Amino acid sequence: MADTNKSDSPNIDDIQKTLEKQIAELRKEITKINKSISARGAEMLDDASEQASDFYETAATRASRTAQQLRSQAQAVSEVARENPGTTTAVVGVIGLLGFLAGLAVGQSMNDNSRRWY
C-alpha cells in the first residue's frame, strides 16, 4: 500500500501543475480578449462620434439654408406689403376676422348644451 500512495503523489502534482498551466493560459487569453474588446469599443465610439459629427454638420447646413430662405421670403412679403398698404390692411383684417370667428365657433362648441342659443 505504501507504493500506491507514492505513485499517486507525483500523479496529483502533475495534474495540479497541468491545471495551473492551463489556468495561466486561460488568463492570458482572457486578457487578449479584453484588450480586443476594448479596442473594438474604442473604434465603435470613434465611428459613432464621426457619424454624429457628420449628422450635426448636415443639420446645421440645412438649418442655415432654411433660415436664409425664410429671410428672403419675409423680405419679399415685406416689400409687397410696403408697396400695397391698402391690400395688406384688408388681408390682415380678413385673417383677423376669420380667426375671431373660428375662436367663437370653438368657444361655442365647448360650452354646455344648456347655455347654447336656440
C-alpha atoms as a PDB file:
ATOM      1  CA  MET A   1       0.000   0.000   0.000  1.00  0.00           C
ATOM      2  CA  ALA A   2       2.874   2.363   0.590  1.00  0.00           C
ATOM      3  CA  ASP A   3       3.855   2.014  -3.069  1.00  0.00           C
ATOM      4  CA  THR A   4       0.367   3.014  -4.182  1.00  0.00           C
ATOM      5  CA  ASN A   5       0.433   6.272  -2.182  1.00  0.00           C
ATOM      6  CA  LYS A   6       3.885   7.184  -3.503  1.00  0.00           C
ATOM      7  CA  SER A   7       2.819   6.628  -7.100  1.00  0.00           C
ATOM      8  CA  ASP A   8      -0.355   8.714  -6.579  1.00  0.00           C
ATOM      9  CA  SER A   9       1.517  11.761  -5.189  1.00  0.00           C
ATOM     10  CA  PRO A  10       3.546  12.561  -8.310  1.00  0.00           C
ATOM     11  CA  ASN A  11       0.454  11.989 -10.400  1.00  0.00           C
ATOM     12  CA  ILE A  12      -1.563  14.534  -8.341  1.00  0.00           C
ATOM     13  CA  ASP A  13       1.305  17.020  -8.526  1.00  0.00           C
ATOM     14  CA  ASP A  14       1.458  16.595 -12.299  1.00  0.00           C
ATOM     15  CA  ILE A  15      -2.291  17.146 -12.584  1.00  0.00           C
ATOM     16  CA  GLN A  16      -2.105  20.234 -10.364  1.00  0.00           C
ATOM     17  CA  LYS A  17       0.776  21.680 -12.422  1.00  0.00           C
ATOM     18  CA  THR A  18      -1.085  20.967 -15.652  1.00  0.00           C
ATOM     19  CA  LEU A  19      -4.232  22.663 -14.317  1.00  0.00           C
ATOM     20  CA  GLU A  20      -2.249  25.686 -13.109  1.00  0.00           C
ATOM     21  CA  LYS A  21      -0.600  25.959 -16.526  1.00  0.00           C
ATOM     22  CA  GLN A  22      -3.995  25.780 -18.245  1.00  0.00           C
ATOM     23  CA  ILE A  23      -5.410  28.425 -15.890  1.00  0.00           C
ATOM     24  CA  ALA A  24      -2.463  30.709 -16.642  1.00  0.00           C
ATOM     25  CA  GLU A  25      -3.032  30.229 -20.388  1.00  0.00           C
ATOM     26  CA  LEU A  26      -6.736  30.954 -19.976  1.00  0.00           C
ATOM     27  CA  ARG A  27      -5.918  34.153 -18.075  1.00  0.00           C
ATOM     28  CA  LYS A  28      -3.635  35.227 -20.920  1.00  0.00           C
ATOM     29  CA  GLU A  29      -6.401  34.515 -23.431  1.00  0.00           C
ATOM     30  CA  ILE A  30      -8.945  36.453 -21.358  1.00  0.00           C
ATOM     31  CA  THR A  31      -6.518  39.385 -21.199  1.00  0.00           C
ATOM     32  CA  LYS A  32      -6.133  39.280 -25.001  1.00  0.00           C
ATOM     33  CA  ILE A  33      -9.915  39.119 -25.447  1.00  0.00           C
ATOM     34  CA  ASN A  34     -10.422  42.052 -23.069  1.00  0.00           C
ATOM     35  CA  LYS A  35      -7.860  44.122 -24.997  1.00  0.00           C
ATOM     36  CA  SER A  36      -9.529  43.208 -28.272  1.00  0.00           C
ATOM     37  CA  ILE A  37     -12.975  44.140 -26.942  1.00  0.00           C
ATOM     38  CA  SER A  38     -11.620  47.399 -25.574  1.00  0.00           C
ATOM     39  CA  ALA A  39     -10.019  48.279 -28.907  1.00  0.00           C
ATOM     40  CA  ARG A  40     -13.201  47.411 -30.793  1.00  0.00           C
ATOM     41  CA  GLY A  41     -15.251  49.518 -28.370  1.00  0.00           C
ATOM     42  CA  ALA A  42     -12.934  52.466 -28.945  1.00  0.00           C
ATOM     43  CA  GLU A  43     -13.289  52.027 -32.723  1.00  0.00           C
ATOM     44  CA  MET A  44     -17.074  51.909 -32.434  1.00  0.00           C
ATOM     45  CA  LEU A  45     -17.043  55.028 -30.262  1.00  0.00           C
ATOM     46  CA  ASP A  46     -14.902  56.843 -32.828  1.00  0.00           C
ATOM     47  CA  ASP A  47     -17.234  55.756 -35.637  1.00  0.00           C
ATOM     48  CA  ALA A  48     -20.311  56.869 -33.707  1.00  0.00           C
ATOM     49  CA  SER A  49     -18.686  60.204 -32.883  1.00  0.00           C
ATOM     50  CA  GLU A  50     -17.791  60.745 -36.534  1.00  0.00           C
ATOM     51  CA  GLN A  51     -21.325  59.894 -37.669  1.00  0.00           C
ATOM     52  CA  ALA A  52     -22.812  62.238 -35.074  1.00  0.00           C
ATOM     53  CA  SER A  53     -20.477  64.999 -36.225  1.00  0.00           C
ATOM     54  CA  ASP A  54     -21.478  64.435 -39.856  1.00  0.00           C
ATOM     55  CA  PHE A  55     -25.150  64.460 -38.908  1.00  0.00           C
ATOM     56  CA  TYR A  56     -24.695  67.703 -36.969  1.00  0.00           C
ATOM     57  CA  GLU A  57     -22.897  69.362 -39.874  1.00  0.00           C
ATOM     58  CA  THR A  58     -25.641  68.289 -42.301  1.00  0.00           C
ATOM     59  CA  ALA A  59     -28.386  69.511 -39.976  1.00  0.00           C
ATOM     60  CA  ALA A  60     -26.609  72.822 -39.391  1.00  0.00           C
ATOM     61  CA  THR A  61     -26.172  73.350 -43.131  1.00  0.00           C
ATOM     62  CA  ARG A  62     -29.833  72.603 -43.801  1.00  0.00           C
ATOM     63  CA  ALA A  63     -30.955  74.862 -40.966  1.00  0.00           C
ATOM     64  CA  SER A  64     -28.791  77.669 -42.321  1.00  0.00           C
ATOM     65  CA  ARG A  65     -30.259  77.270 -45.808  1.00  0.00           C
ATOM     66  CA  THR A  66     -33.795  77.186 -44.418  1.00  0.00           C
ATOM     67  CA  ALA A  67     -33.209  80.324 -42.349  1.00  0.00           C
ATOM     68  CA  GLN A  68     -31.797  82.093 -45.401  1.00  0.00           C
ATOM     69  CA  GLN A  69     -34.839  81.125 -47.489  1.00  0.00           C
ATOM     70  CA  LEU A  70     -37.187  82.305 -44.751  1.00  0.00           C
ATOM     71  CA  ARG A  71     -35.387  85.637 -44.580  1.00  0.00           C
ATOM     72  CA  SER A  72     -35.618  86.139 -48.329  1.00  0.00           C
ATOM     73  CA  GLN A  73     -39.319  85.199 -48.356  1.00  0.00           C
ATOM     74  CA  ALA A  74     -40.011  87.515 -45.415  1.00  0.00           C
ATOM     75  CA  GLN A  75     -38.254  90.325 -47.275  1.00  0.00           C
ATOM     76  CA  ALA A  76     -40.369  89.651 -50.365  1.00  0.00           C
ATOM     77  CA  VAL A  77     -43.588  89.703 -48.318  1.00  0.00           C
ATOM     78  CA  SER A  78     -42.429  92.858 -46.546  1.00  0.00           C
ATOM     79  CA  GLU A  79     -41.727  94.588 -49.871  1.00  0.00           C
ATOM     80  CA  VAL A  80     -45.158  93.619 -51.230  1.00  0.00           C
ATOM     81  CA  ALA A  81     -46.787  94.874 -48.032  1.00  0.00           C
ATOM     82  CA  ARG A  82     -44.960  98.214 -48.317  1.00  0.00           C
ATOM     83  CA  GLU A  83     -45.941  98.607 -51.961  1.00  0.00           C
ATOM     84  CA  ASN A  84     -49.619  97.792 -51.296  1.00  0.00           C
ATOM     85  CA  PRO A  85     -50.593  99.054 -47.823  1.00  0.00           C
ATOM     86  CA  GLY A  86     -54.342  99.010 -48.554  1.00  0.00           C
ATOM     87  CA  THR A  87     -54.329  95.426 -49.722  1.00  0.00           C
ATOM     88  CA  THR A  88     -52.158  94.414 -46.774  1.00  0.00           C
ATOM     89  CA  THR A  89     -54.573  96.040 -44.328  1.00  0.00           C
ATOM     90  CA  ALA A  90     -57.527  94.290 -45.951  1.00  0.00           C
ATOM     91  CA  VAL A  91     -55.803  90.876 -45.909  1.00  0.00           C
ATOM     92  CA  VAL A  92     -54.757  91.253 -42.279  1.00  0.00           C
ATOM     93  CA  GLY A  93     -58.276  92.380 -41.356  1.00  0.00           C
ATOM     94  CA  VAL A  94     -59.894  89.407 -43.102  1.00  0.00           C
ATOM     95  CA  ILE A  95     -57.452  86.984 -41.437  1.00  0.00           C
ATOM     96  CA  GLY A  96     -58.206  88.579 -38.066  1.00  0.00           C
ATOM     97  CA  LEU A  97     -61.954  88.322 -38.658  1.00  0.00           C
ATOM     98  CA  LEU A  98     -61.638  84.656 -39.685  1.00  0.00           C
ATOM     99  CA  GLY A  99     -59.568  83.955 -36.576  1.00  0.00           C
ATOM    100  CA  PHE A 100     -62.136  85.653 -34.383  1.00  0.00           C
ATOM    101  CA  LEU A 101     -64.992  83.654 -35.968  1.00  0.00           C
ATOM    102  CA  ALA A 102     -63.049  80.398 -35.602  1.00  0.00           C
ATOM    103  CA  GLY A 103     -62.417  81.188 -31.935  1.00  0.00           C
ATOM    104  CA  LEU A 104     -66.072  81.994 -31.421  1.00  0.00           C
ATOM    105  CA  ALA A 105     -67.109  78.708 -33.051  1.00  0.00           C
ATOM    106  CA  VAL A 106     -64.675  76.702 -30.931  1.00  0.00           C
ATOM    107  CA  GLY A 107     -65.835  78.509 -27.794  1.00  0.00           C
ATOM    108  CA  GLN A 108     -69.463  77.795 -28.586  1.00  0.00           C
ATOM    109  CA  SER A 109     -68.776  74.119 -29.279  1.00  0.00           C
ATOM    110  CA  MET A 110     -67.040  73.754 -25.911  1.00  0.00           C
ATOM    111  CA  ASN A 111     -69.899  75.307 -23.908  1.00  0.00           C
ATOM    112  CA  ASP A 112     -72.594  73.297 -22.153  1.00  0.00           C
ATOM    113  CA  ASN A 113     -75.655  72.335 -24.153  1.00  0.00           C
ATOM    114  CA  SER A 114     -77.803  74.297 -21.699  1.00  0.00           C
ATOM    115  CA  ARG A 115     -76.037  77.581 -22.497  1.00  0.00           C
ATOM    116  CA  ARG A 116     -76.388  77.318 -26.297  1.00  0.00           C
ATOM    117  CA  TRP A 117     -78.623  79.702 -28.197  1.00  0.00           C
ATOM    118  CA  TYR A 118     -81.612  78.072 -29.786  1.00  0.00           C
END
